[in-house]
Amino acid sequence: MPLKIRLTLQGPPADGEGAFASFRHVSGVRGWVYRCLEREDPVLAGELHGDTWPKPIAASPLWRREGAWGLEFSVLLDPLGDVLRRGLEAEGRRLVLGGEEFTVTDVRVGGRVSYDELCAEGELPDPLRIEFVTPTAHQHTLTVAGEDGAPRKQRKVAPLPDPALAFTSWWHKWNCMMDYLRRERIPETLRDYLPLLAVARMAGRTERVLLDGSRPFIGFVGEIAVKLLAPAAVPADLRARLRALARFAEYCGTGVETLRGMGQTRVSGVESSPAEPREPRAIAPHEDGSRDR
């Protein structure tokens, strides 16, 4: 059962409200999560750390609202949520994120939804509005010709919004969770219809942020409206699967680096559980006036 764990933190004073746009904190968050899991279940922590599947945890940016700092985790597996909550409570209240010291003042469960509820009947909105709240990018593999003319695989990063890549990301994360849960997977035939998803409108920008202190990451922040071309050609059960994946996106995130705060996603019109407001915000300038773009 996907759920959100919300933390309230006390930390250093900061100007304004909204996301901590530099993302200096993300490496600290990832390490903290694994320490909490290892404290409670070392075997599970080791399996997750070494697993090449999408991680069943996503993290939000560090945000500030009404004078308090906050952080949110989305957990996609039932047992993992309990283990993480116990680990968070046992790990202690003090933590260092992005070189700044914080104190955890509250841990509570936020939104929660069952996989059966995600699959509840309903039509895919037309258009479907998807907001990428933090920089979002995809990795995909292309077949290119080598110097000798032989085909070879090359991994590329796609920082611009592509509905087929977004739904493929959600599809893959969903099916990985179903492997863990030994439940029904979404059929591969669904992917045959993804080329029928088209961007009708787009408003946003690419942003460059630094992960782990120095590693550049470029992704899209903004909103797109997606239309399903020739919806009558898509079987009703597969349209329902598309809707389930769109609801799942608010928990699993989109694309890569979701445990480092990237790919946070909000979808309108699919009756998702309420989430904390997560407004995108321009990257803060450095002291010399430049920006990470």
C-alpha atoms as a PDB file:
ATOM      1  CA  MET A   1       0.000   0.000   0.000  1.00  0.00           C
ATOM      2  CA  PRO A   2       1.751   3.208  -1.103  1.00  0.00           C
ATOM      3  CA  LEU A   3       1.920   5.799   1.644  1.00  0.00           C
ATOM      4  CA  LYS A   4       3.606   9.080   2.456  1.00  0.00           C
ATOM      5  CA  ILE A   5       5.668   9.655   5.596  1.00  0.00           C
ATOM      6  CA  ARG A   6       5.948  13.339   6.475  1.00  0.00           C
ATOM      7  CA  LEU A   7       8.609  14.789   8.712  1.00  0.00           C
ATOM      8  CA  THR A   8       8.658  18.199  10.345  1.00  0.00           C
ATOM      9  CA  LEU A   9      12.115  19.590  11.098  1.00  0.00           C
ATOM     10  CA  GLN A  10      13.647  22.473  12.958  1.00  0.00           C
ATOM     11  CA  GLY A  11      16.590  23.963  11.154  1.00  0.00           C
ATOM     12  CA  PRO A  12      18.496  27.083  10.243  1.00  0.00           C
ATOM     13  CA  PRO A  13      16.609  30.262   9.395  1.00  0.00           C
ATOM     14  CA  ALA A  14      15.951  30.832   5.698  1.00  0.00           C
ATOM     15  CA  ASP A  15      14.434  33.518   3.539  1.00  0.00           C
ATOM     16  CA  GLY A  16      11.051  32.844   1.946  1.00  0.00           C
ATOM     17  CA  GLU A  17       8.941  29.735   1.603  1.00  0.00           C
ATOM     18  CA  GLY A  18       8.935  26.757  -0.757  1.00  0.00           C
ATOM     19  CA  ALA A  19      11.423  24.168  -1.895  1.00  0.00           C
ATOM     20  CA  PHE A  20      15.064  24.235  -0.841  1.00  0.00           C
ATOM     21  CA  ALA A  21      16.032  24.762  -4.453  1.00  0.00           C
ATOM     22  CA  SER A  22      19.769  24.054  -4.269  1.00  0.00           C
ATOM     23  CA  PHE A  23      19.113  20.361  -3.431  1.00  0.00           C
ATOM     24  CA  ARG A  24      22.300  20.289  -1.339  1.00  0.00           C
ATOM     25  CA  HIS A  25      20.472  18.048   1.110  1.00  0.00           C
ATOM     26  CA  VAL A  26      19.728  15.101  -1.174  1.00  0.00           C
ATOM     27  CA  SER A  27      22.825  12.968  -0.575  1.00  0.00           C
ATOM     28  CA  GLY A  28      22.230  13.297   3.164  1.00  0.00           C
ATOM     29  CA  VAL A  29      18.620  12.183   2.794  1.00  0.00           C
ATOM     30  CA  ARG A  30      19.537   9.088   0.791  1.00  0.00           C
ATOM     31  CA  GLY A  31      22.202   8.038   3.293  1.00  0.00           C
ATOM     32  CA  TRP A  32      19.870   8.699   6.200  1.00  0.00           C
ATOM     33  CA  VAL A  33      17.168   6.473   4.692  1.00  0.00           C
ATOM     34  CA  TYR A  34      19.574   3.556   4.304  1.00  0.00           C
ATOM     35  CA  ARG A  35      20.902   4.013   7.860  1.00  0.00           C
ATOM     36  CA  CYS A  36      17.353   3.929   9.218  1.00  0.00           C
ATOM     37  CA  LEU A  37      16.525   0.790   7.247  1.00  0.00           C
ATOM     38  CA  GLU A  38      19.790  -0.930   8.202  1.00  0.00           C
ATOM     39  CA  ARG A  39      19.165  -0.249  11.868  1.00  0.00           C
ATOM     40  CA  GLU A  40      15.830  -2.074  11.745  1.00  0.00           C
ATOM     41  CA  ASP A  41      16.367  -4.666   8.995  1.00  0.00           C
ATOM     42  CA  PRO A  42      19.957  -5.027   7.703  1.00  0.00           C
ATOM     43  CA  VAL A  43      19.007  -7.749   5.202  1.00  0.00           C
ATOM     44  CA  LEU A  44      16.263  -5.638   3.621  1.00  0.00           C
ATOM     45  CA  ALA A  45      18.531  -2.572   3.522  1.00  0.00           C
ATOM     46  CA  GLY A  46      21.252  -4.567   1.765  1.00  0.00           C
ATOM     47  CA  GLU A  47      18.813  -5.975  -0.786  1.00  0.00           C
ATOM     48  CA  LEU A  48      17.455  -2.522  -1.631  1.00  0.00           C
ATOM     49  CA  HIS A  49      20.886  -0.944  -1.850  1.00  0.00           C
ATOM     50  CA  GLY A  50      22.151  -3.584  -4.239  1.00  0.00           C
ATOM     51  CA  ASP A  51      18.970  -3.922  -6.276  1.00  0.00           C
ATOM     52  CA  THR A  52      19.076  -2.506  -9.791  1.00  0.00           C
ATOM     53  CA  TRP A  53      15.285  -2.189  -9.936  1.00  0.00           C
ATOM     54  CA  PRO A  54      13.653   1.192  -9.273  1.00  0.00           C
ATOM     55  CA  LYS A  55      13.810   1.906  -5.565  1.00  0.00           C
ATOM     56  CA  PRO A  56      10.483   1.558  -3.702  1.00  0.00           C
ATOM     57  CA  ILE A  57      11.089   4.890  -1.917  1.00  0.00           C
ATOM     58  CA  ALA A  58      10.940   8.425  -3.306  1.00  0.00           C
ATOM     59  CA  ALA A  59      11.916  11.603  -1.457  1.00  0.00           C
ATOM     60  CA  SER A  60      10.629  15.140  -1.762  1.00  0.00           C
ATOM     61  CA  PRO A  61      12.710  18.288  -1.753  1.00  0.00           C
ATOM     62  CA  LEU A  62      13.415  19.842   1.598  1.00  0.00           C
ATOM     63  CA  TRP A  63      10.778  22.541   1.866  1.00  0.00           C
ATOM     64  CA  ARG A  64       9.966  25.368   4.247  1.00  0.00           C
ATOM     65  CA  ARG A  65       6.493  26.538   5.136  1.00  0.00           C
ATOM     66  CA  GLU A  66       5.168  28.714   7.977  1.00  0.00           C
ATOM     67  CA  GLY A  67       8.559  28.820   9.635  1.00  0.00           C
ATOM     68  CA  ALA A  68       9.134  25.047   9.692  1.00  0.00           C
ATOM     69  CA  TRP A  69      11.149  22.730   7.488  1.00  0.00           C
ATOM     70  CA  GLY A  70       9.597  19.583   6.071  1.00  0.00           C
ATOM     71  CA  LEU A  71      10.520  16.444   4.178  1.00  0.00           C
ATOM     72  CA  GLU A  72       8.321  13.734   2.695  1.00  0.00           C
ATOM     73  CA  PHE A  73       8.978  10.124   1.722  1.00  0.00           C
ATOM     74  CA  SER A  74       6.732   8.035  -0.503  1.00  0.00           C
ATOM     75  CA  VAL A  75       6.990   4.335   0.304  1.00  0.00           C
ATOM     76  CA  LEU A  76       5.601   1.812  -2.169  1.00  0.00           C
ATOM     77  CA  LEU A  77       5.785  -1.428  -0.155  1.00  0.00           C
ATOM     78  CA  ASP A  78       3.726  -2.209   2.954  1.00  0.00           C
ATOM     79  CA  PRO A  79       6.476  -3.801   5.120  1.00  0.00           C
ATOM     80  CA  LEU A  80       8.994  -1.155   4.105  1.00  0.00           C
ATOM     81  CA  GLY A  81       6.827   1.666   5.432  1.00  0.00           C
ATOM     82  CA  ASP A  82       6.737   0.160   8.930  1.00  0.00           C
ATOM     83  CA  VAL A  83      10.479  -0.558   8.902  1.00  0.00           C
ATOM     84  CA  LEU A  84      11.320   2.975   7.771  1.00  0.00           C
ATOM     85  CA  ARG A  85       9.057   4.585  10.365  1.00  0.00           C
ATOM     86  CA  ARG A  86      10.642   2.559  13.169  1.00  0.00           C
ATOM     87  CA  GLY A  87      14.104   3.355  11.847  1.00  0.00           C
ATOM     88  CA  LEU A  88      13.363   7.065  11.632  1.00  0.00           C
ATOM     89  CA  GLU A  89      12.247   7.074  15.249  1.00  0.00           C
ATOM     90  CA  ALA A  90      15.231   4.995  16.429  1.00  0.00           C
ATOM     91  CA  GLU A  91      17.886   6.853  14.451  1.00  0.00           C
ATOM     92  CA  GLY A  92      17.593   9.932  16.620  1.00  0.00           C
ATOM     93  CA  ARG A  93      16.339  13.429  16.112  1.00  0.00           C
ATOM     94  CA  ARG A  94      19.479  15.120  14.860  1.00  0.00           C
ATOM     95  CA  LEU A  95      20.606  14.966  11.244  1.00  0.00           C
ATOM     96  CA  VAL A  96      22.805  16.939   8.876  1.00  0.00           C
ATOM     97  CA  LEU A  97      21.503  17.756   5.403  1.00  0.00           C
ATOM     98  CA  GLY A  98      23.471  19.826   2.938  1.00  0.00           C
ATOM     99  CA  GLY A  99      25.917  20.858   5.613  1.00  0.00           C
ATOM    100  CA  GLU A 100      23.141  22.240   7.838  1.00  0.00           C
ATOM    101  CA  GLU A 101      21.943  20.705  11.116  1.00  0.00           C
ATOM    102  CA  PHE A 102      18.261  19.834  11.565  1.00  0.00           C
ATOM    103  CA  THR A 103      16.165  18.317  14.349  1.00  0.00           C
ATOM    104  CA  VAL A 104      13.193  16.045  13.637  1.00  0.00           C
ATOM    105  CA  THR A 105      10.182  17.267  15.620  1.00  0.00           C
ATOM    106  CA  ASP A 106       7.393  15.144  14.143  1.00  0.00           C
ATOM    107  CA  VAL A 107       6.948  11.984  12.047  1.00  0.00           C
ATOM    108  CA  ARG A 108       3.521  11.034  10.749  1.00  0.00           C
ATOM    109  CA  VAL A 109       1.797   9.129   7.954  1.00  0.00           C
ATOM    110  CA  GLY A 110       0.233  11.375   5.332  1.00  0.00           C
ATOM    111  CA  GLY A 111      -1.600  10.169   2.246  1.00  0.00           C
ATOM    112  CA  ARG A 112      -2.215   6.444   1.858  1.00  0.00           C
ATOM    113  CA  VAL A 113      -3.818   4.460  -0.959  1.00  0.00           C
ATOM    114  CA  SER A 114      -4.163   0.756  -1.715  1.00  0.00           C
ATOM    115  CA  TYR A 115      -3.233  -0.780  -5.048  1.00  0.00           C
ATOM    116  CA  ASP A 116      -6.869  -1.814  -5.437  1.00  0.00           C
ATOM    117  CA  GLU A 117      -7.926   1.814  -4.986  1.00  0.00           C
ATOM    118  CA  LEU A 118      -5.418   2.898  -7.609  1.00  0.00           C
ATOM    119  CA  CYS A 119      -7.073   0.475 -10.016  1.00  0.00           C
ATOM    120  CA  ALA A 120     -10.607   1.702  -9.261  1.00  0.00           C
ATOM    121  CA  GLU A 121     -12.811   2.295 -12.287  1.00  0.00           C
ATOM    122  CA  GLY A 122     -12.649   5.652 -13.981  1.00  0.00           C
ATOM    123  CA  GLU A 123     -11.769   7.333 -17.245  1.00  0.00           C
ATOM    124  CA  LEU A 124      -8.442   8.861 -18.121  1.00  0.00           C
ATOM    125  CA  PRO A 125      -8.915  12.664 -18.104  1.00  0.00           C
ATOM    126  CA  ASP A 126      -8.796  14.407 -21.470  1.00  0.00           C
ATOM    127  CA  PRO A 127      -6.426  16.137 -21.308  1.00  0.00           C
ATOM    128  CA  LEU A 128      -4.376  14.670 -18.478  1.00  0.00           C
ATOM    129  CA  ARG A 129      -2.436  17.412 -16.678  1.00  0.00           C
ATOM    130  CA  ILE A 130       0.921  16.353 -15.274  1.00  0.00           C
ATOM    131  CA  GLU A 131       3.118  18.652 -13.210  1.00  0.00           C
ATOM    132  CA  PHE A 132       6.788  17.834 -12.731  1.00  0.00           C
ATOM    133  CA  VAL A 133       7.495  19.629  -9.477  1.00  0.00           C
ATOM    134  CA  THR A 134      11.238  18.959  -9.308  1.00  0.00           C
ATOM    135  CA  PRO A 135      13.687  18.420 -12.190  1.00  0.00           C
ATOM    136  CA  THR A 136      12.647  15.311 -14.092  1.00  0.00           C
ATOM    137  CA  ALA A 137      14.660  13.327 -16.619  1.00  0.00           C
ATOM    138  CA  HIS A 138      14.664   9.819 -18.090  1.00  0.00           C
ATOM    139  CA  GLN A 139      17.403   7.426 -19.065  1.00  0.00           C
ATOM    140  CA  HIS A 140      16.761   5.370 -22.156  1.00  0.00           C
ATOM    141  CA  THR A 141      18.857   3.183 -24.410  1.00  0.00           C
ATOM    142  CA  LEU A 142      19.346   3.833 -28.113  1.00  0.00           C
ATOM    143  CA  THR A 143      20.854   1.583 -30.747  1.00  0.00           C
ATOM    144  CA  VAL A 144      23.485   3.486 -32.723  1.00  0.00           C
ATOM    145  CA  ALA A 145      26.088   2.542 -35.316  1.00  0.00           C
ATOM    146  CA  GLY A 146      29.636   2.217 -34.023  1.00  0.00           C
ATOM    147  CA  GLU A 147      32.770   3.280 -35.880  1.00  0.00           C
ATOM    148  CA  ASP A 148      32.912  -0.149 -37.488  1.00  0.00           C
ATOM    149  CA  GLY A 149      29.267   0.089 -38.521  1.00  0.00           C
ATOM    150  CA  ALA A 150      28.139  -2.521 -36.022  1.00  0.00           C
ATOM    151  CA  PRO A 151      25.132  -1.628 -33.855  1.00  0.00           C
ATOM    152  CA  ARG A 152      25.799  -0.833 -30.226  1.00  0.00           C
ATOM    153  CA  LYS A 153      23.765   0.316 -27.267  1.00  0.00           C
ATOM    154  CA  GLN A 154      24.121   3.852 -25.965  1.00  0.00           C
ATOM    155  CA  ARG A 155      22.434   5.246 -22.875  1.00  0.00           C
ATOM    156  CA  LYS A 156      20.983   8.741 -23.205  1.00  0.00           C
ATOM    157  CA  VAL A 157      19.376  11.149 -20.768  1.00  0.00           C
ATOM    158  CA  ALA A 158      16.155  12.819 -21.913  1.00  0.00           C
ATOM    159  CA  PRO A 159      15.472  16.028 -19.912  1.00  0.00           C
ATOM    160  CA  LEU A 160      12.384  17.119 -21.867  1.00  0.00           C
ATOM    161  CA  PRO A 161       8.865  15.827 -21.127  1.00  0.00           C
ATOM    162  CA  ASP A 162       7.758  12.815 -23.148  1.00  0.00           C
ATOM    163  CA  PRO A 163       4.448  11.133 -22.183  1.00  0.00           C
ATOM    164  CA  ALA A 164       5.578   7.730 -23.457  1.00  0.00           C
ATOM    165  CA  LEU A 165       8.742   7.872 -21.334  1.00  0.00           C
ATOM    166  CA  ALA A 166       6.777   9.087 -18.294  1.00  0.00           C
ATOM    167  CA  PHE A 167       4.214   6.284 -18.528  1.00  0.00           C
ATOM    168  CA  THR A 168       6.985   3.767 -19.220  1.00  0.00           C
ATOM    169  CA  SER A 169       8.709   4.931 -16.036  1.00  0.00           C
ATOM    170  CA  TRP A 170       5.525   4.484 -14.012  1.00  0.00           C
ATOM    171  CA  TRP A 171       4.796   1.148 -15.720  1.00  0.00           C
ATOM    172  CA  HIS A 172       8.259  -0.164 -14.833  1.00  0.00           C
ATOM    173  CA  LYS A 173       8.047   1.009 -11.207  1.00  0.00           C
ATOM    174  CA  TRP A 174       4.555  -0.520 -10.874  1.00  0.00           C
ATOM    175  CA  ASN A 175       5.619  -3.879 -12.254  1.00  0.00           C
ATOM    176  CA  CYS A 176       8.699  -3.967 -10.046  1.00  0.00           C
ATOM    177  CA  MET A 177       6.426  -3.442  -7.046  1.00  0.00           C
ATOM    178  CA  MET A 178       4.139  -6.220  -8.252  1.00  0.00           C
ATOM    179  CA  ASP A 179       7.141  -8.551  -8.455  1.00  0.00           C
ATOM    180  CA  TYR A 180       7.880  -7.760  -4.821  1.00  0.00           C
ATOM    181  CA  LEU A 181       4.222  -8.227  -3.864  1.00  0.00           C
ATOM    182  CA  ARG A 182       3.587 -11.191  -6.192  1.00  0.00           C
ATOM    183  CA  ARG A 183       0.504  -9.455  -7.534  1.00  0.00           C
ATOM    184  CA  GLU A 184      -0.882  -8.771 -10.978  1.00  0.00           C
ATOM    185  CA  ARG A 185       1.460  -6.945 -13.336  1.00  0.00           C
ATOM    186  CA  ILE A 186       0.369  -4.440 -15.956  1.00  0.00           C
ATOM    187  CA  PRO A 187       0.576  -6.246 -19.332  1.00  0.00           C
ATOM    188  CA  GLU A 188       3.316  -5.430 -21.806  1.00  0.00           C
ATOM    189  CA  THR A 189       0.662  -4.851 -24.457  1.00  0.00           C
ATOM    190  CA  LEU A 190       0.012  -1.497 -22.796  1.00  0.00           C
ATOM    191  CA  ARG A 191       3.318  -0.203 -24.161  1.00  0.00           C
ATOM    192  CA  ASP A 192       2.074  -0.716 -27.711  1.00  0.00           C
ATOM    193  CA  TYR A 193      -0.395   2.134 -27.162  1.00  0.00           C
ATOM    194  CA  LEU A 194       1.987   4.634 -25.536  1.00  0.00           C
ATOM    195  CA  PRO A 195       2.848   6.308 -28.894  1.00  0.00           C
ATOM    196  CA  LEU A 196      -0.786   7.497 -28.921  1.00  0.00           C
ATOM    197  CA  LEU A 197      -0.046   9.803 -25.967  1.00  0.00           C
ATOM    198  CA  ALA A 198       0.787  13.300 -27.203  1.00  0.00           C
ATOM    199  CA  VAL A 199       1.681  16.615 -25.553  1.00  0.00           C
ATOM    200  CA  ALA A 200      -1.106  19.098 -26.280  1.00  0.00           C
ATOM    201  CA  ARG A 201       0.316  21.977 -24.198  1.00  0.00           C
ATOM    202  CA  MET A 202       3.494  22.565 -22.242  1.00  0.00           C
ATOM    203  CA  ALA A 203       4.694  25.295 -19.900  1.00  0.00           C
ATOM    204  CA  GLY A 204       7.987  24.981 -18.095  1.00  0.00           C
ATOM    205  CA  ARG A 205      11.741  24.992 -18.316  1.00  0.00           C
ATOM    206  CA  THR A 206      14.790  22.828 -17.851  1.00  0.00           C
ATOM    207  CA  GLU A 207      16.778  23.331 -14.668  1.00  0.00           C
ATOM    208  CA  ARG A 208      20.300  22.277 -13.766  1.00  0.00           C
ATOM    209  CA  VAL A 209      20.929  21.300 -10.168  1.00  0.00           C
ATOM    210  CA  LEU A 210      23.886  19.705  -8.399  1.00  0.00           C
ATOM    211  CA  LEU A 211      23.395  16.310  -6.764  1.00  0.00           C
ATOM    212  CA  ASP A 212      25.809  14.916  -4.189  1.00  0.00           C
ATOM    213  CA  GLY A 213      27.486  18.291  -4.061  1.00  0.00           C
ATOM    214  CA  SER A 214      29.003  18.364  -7.533  1.00  0.00           C
ATOM    215  CA  ARG A 215      27.196  16.084  -9.989  1.00  0.00           C
ATOM    216  CA  PRO A 216      25.090  18.080 -12.482  1.00  0.00           C
ATOM    217  CA  PHE A 217      21.555  16.909 -13.195  1.00  0.00           C
ATOM    218  CA  ILE A 218      19.328  18.551 -15.816  1.00  0.00           C
ATOM    219  CA  GLY A 219      15.588  17.972 -15.827  1.00  0.00           C
ATOM    220  CA  PHE A 220      12.261  19.531 -16.751  1.00  0.00           C
ATOM    221  CA  VAL A 221      10.148  21.496 -14.267  1.00  0.00           C
ATOM    222  CA  GLY A 222       6.660  22.558 -15.289  1.00  0.00           C
ATOM    223  CA  GLU A 223       3.329  21.231 -16.513  1.00  0.00           C
ATOM    224  CA  ILE A 224       2.177  19.382 -19.600  1.00  0.00           C
ATOM    225  CA  ALA A 225      -1.282  18.502 -20.868  1.00  0.00           C
ATOM    226  CA  VAL A 226      -1.421  15.047 -22.435  1.00  0.00           C
ATOM    227  CA  LYS A 227      -4.074  13.831 -24.869  1.00  0.00           C
ATOM    228  CA  LEU A 228      -4.704  10.265 -25.907  1.00  0.00           C
ATOM    229  CA  LEU A 229      -4.974  10.214 -29.687  1.00  0.00           C
ATOM    230  CA  ALA A 230      -7.668   7.879 -31.068  1.00  0.00           C
ATOM    231  CA  PRO A 231      -8.877   6.816 -27.587  1.00  0.00           C
ATOM    232  CA  ALA A 232     -11.445   4.473 -29.144  1.00  0.00           C
ATOM    233  CA  ALA A 233      -8.542   2.411 -30.479  1.00  0.00           C
ATOM    234  CA  VAL A 234      -7.309   1.720 -26.930  1.00  0.00           C
ATOM    235  CA  PRO A 235      -9.211  -1.052 -25.108  1.00  0.00           C
ATOM    236  CA  ALA A 236     -11.127   0.139 -22.049  1.00  0.00           C
ATOM    237  CA  ASP A 237      -9.129  -2.030 -19.656  1.00  0.00           C
ATOM    238  CA  LEU A 238      -5.866  -0.526 -20.883  1.00  0.00           C
ATOM    239  CA  ARG A 239      -7.229   3.021 -20.575  1.00  0.00           C
ATOM    240  CA  ALA A 240      -8.028   2.120 -16.956  1.00  0.00           C
ATOM    241  CA  ARG A 241      -4.428   0.926 -16.538  1.00  0.00           C
ATOM    242  CA  LEU A 242      -3.153   4.260 -17.843  1.00  0.00           C
ATOM    243  CA  ARG A 243      -5.296   6.032 -15.279  1.00  0.00           C
ATOM    244  CA  ALA A 244      -3.981   3.779 -12.486  1.00  0.00           C
ATOM    245  CA  LEU A 245      -0.412   4.581 -13.502  1.00  0.00           C
ATOM    246  CA  ALA A 246      -1.163   8.310 -13.522  1.00  0.00           C
ATOM    247  CA  ARG A 247      -2.461   8.051  -9.941  1.00  0.00           C
ATOM    248  CA  PHE A 248       0.582   5.984  -8.954  1.00  0.00           C
ATOM    249  CA  ALA A 249       2.894   8.734 -10.237  1.00  0.00           C
ATOM    250  CA  GLU A 250       2.288  10.922  -7.190  1.00  0.00           C
ATOM    251  CA  TYR A 251       3.829   8.203  -5.033  1.00  0.00           C
ATOM    252  CA  CYS A 252       6.532   6.678  -7.238  1.00  0.00           C
ATOM    253  CA  GLY A 253       7.776   9.836  -8.955  1.00  0.00           C
ATOM    254  CA  THR A 254       8.907  10.029 -12.573  1.00  0.00           C
ATOM    255  CA  GLY A 255      12.195   9.112 -14.176  1.00  0.00           C
ATOM    256  CA  VAL A 256      15.531   8.746 -12.396  1.00  0.00           C
ATOM    257  CA  GLU A 257      16.972   9.880  -9.043  1.00  0.00           C
ATOM    258  CA  THR A 258      13.600   9.893  -7.247  1.00  0.00           C
ATOM    259  CA  LEU A 259      15.286   8.997  -3.930  1.00  0.00           C
ATOM    260  CA  ARG A 260      17.318  12.191  -4.326  1.00  0.00           C
ATOM    261  CA  GLY A 261      14.246  14.395  -4.699  1.00  0.00           C
ATOM    262  CA  MET A 262      14.079  14.444  -8.485  1.00  0.00           C
ATOM    263  CA  GLY A 263      10.972  13.566 -10.513  1.00  0.00           C
ATOM    264  CA  GLN A 264       8.378  14.654  -7.943  1.00  0.00           C
ATOM    265  CA  THR A 265       5.076  14.509  -9.816  1.00  0.00           C
ATOM    266  CA  ARG A 266       1.544  15.782  -9.344  1.00  0.00           C
ATOM    267  CA  VAL A 267      -1.325  14.685 -11.612  1.00  0.00           C
ATOM    268  CA  SER A 268      -4.688  16.479 -11.873  1.00  0.00           C
ATOM    269  CA  GLY A 269      -8.091  14.906 -12.400  1.00  0.00           C
ATOM    270  CA  VAL A 270      -7.389  11.315 -11.334  1.00  0.00           C
ATOM    271  CA  GLU A 271      -8.703  11.598  -7.768  1.00  0.00           C
ATOM    272  CA  SER A 272      -5.316  11.077  -6.157  1.00  0.00           C
ATOM    273  CA  SER A 273      -4.907  11.315  -2.415  1.00  0.00           C
ATOM    274  CA  PRO A 274      -4.240  14.863  -1.205  1.00  0.00           C
ATOM    275  CA  ALA A 275      -0.548  15.718  -1.051  1.00  0.00           C
ATOM    276  CA  GLU A 276       1.391  18.513   0.575  1.00  0.00           C
ATOM    277  CA  PRO A 277       1.624  21.500  -1.773  1.00  0.00           C
ATOM    278  CA  ARG A 278       4.961  21.354  -3.562  1.00  0.00           C
ATOM    279  CA  GLU A 279       5.359  24.492  -5.617  1.00  0.00           C
ATOM    280  CA  PRO A 280       8.219  24.609  -8.117  1.00  0.00           C
ATOM    281  CA  ARG A 281      10.574  27.455  -7.508  1.00  0.00           C
ATOM    282  CA  ALA A 282      13.301  29.176  -9.466  1.00  0.00           C
ATOM    283  CA  ILE A 283      16.841  28.088  -8.662  1.00  0.00           C
ATOM    284  CA  ALA A 284      18.332  30.426  -6.092  1.00  0.00           C
ATOM    285  CA  PRO A 285      21.286  32.551  -7.273  1.00  0.00           C
ATOM    286  CA  HIS A 286      24.789  32.088  -5.883  1.00  0.00           C
ATOM    287  CA  GLU A 287      26.612  34.854  -4.118  1.00  0.00           C
ATOM    288  CA  ASP A 288      28.110  36.005  -7.411  1.00  0.00           C
ATOM    289  CA  GLY A 289      24.662  36.246  -8.985  1.00  0.00           C
ATOM    290  CA  SER A 290      25.019  33.170 -11.206  1.00  0.00           C
ATOM    291  CA  ARG A 291      22.546  30.294 -11.205  1.00  0.00           C
ATOM    292  CA  ASP A 292      22.794  26.547 -11.646  1.00  0.00           C
ATOM    293  CA  ARG A 293      20.971  26.129 -14.944  1.00  0.00           C
END
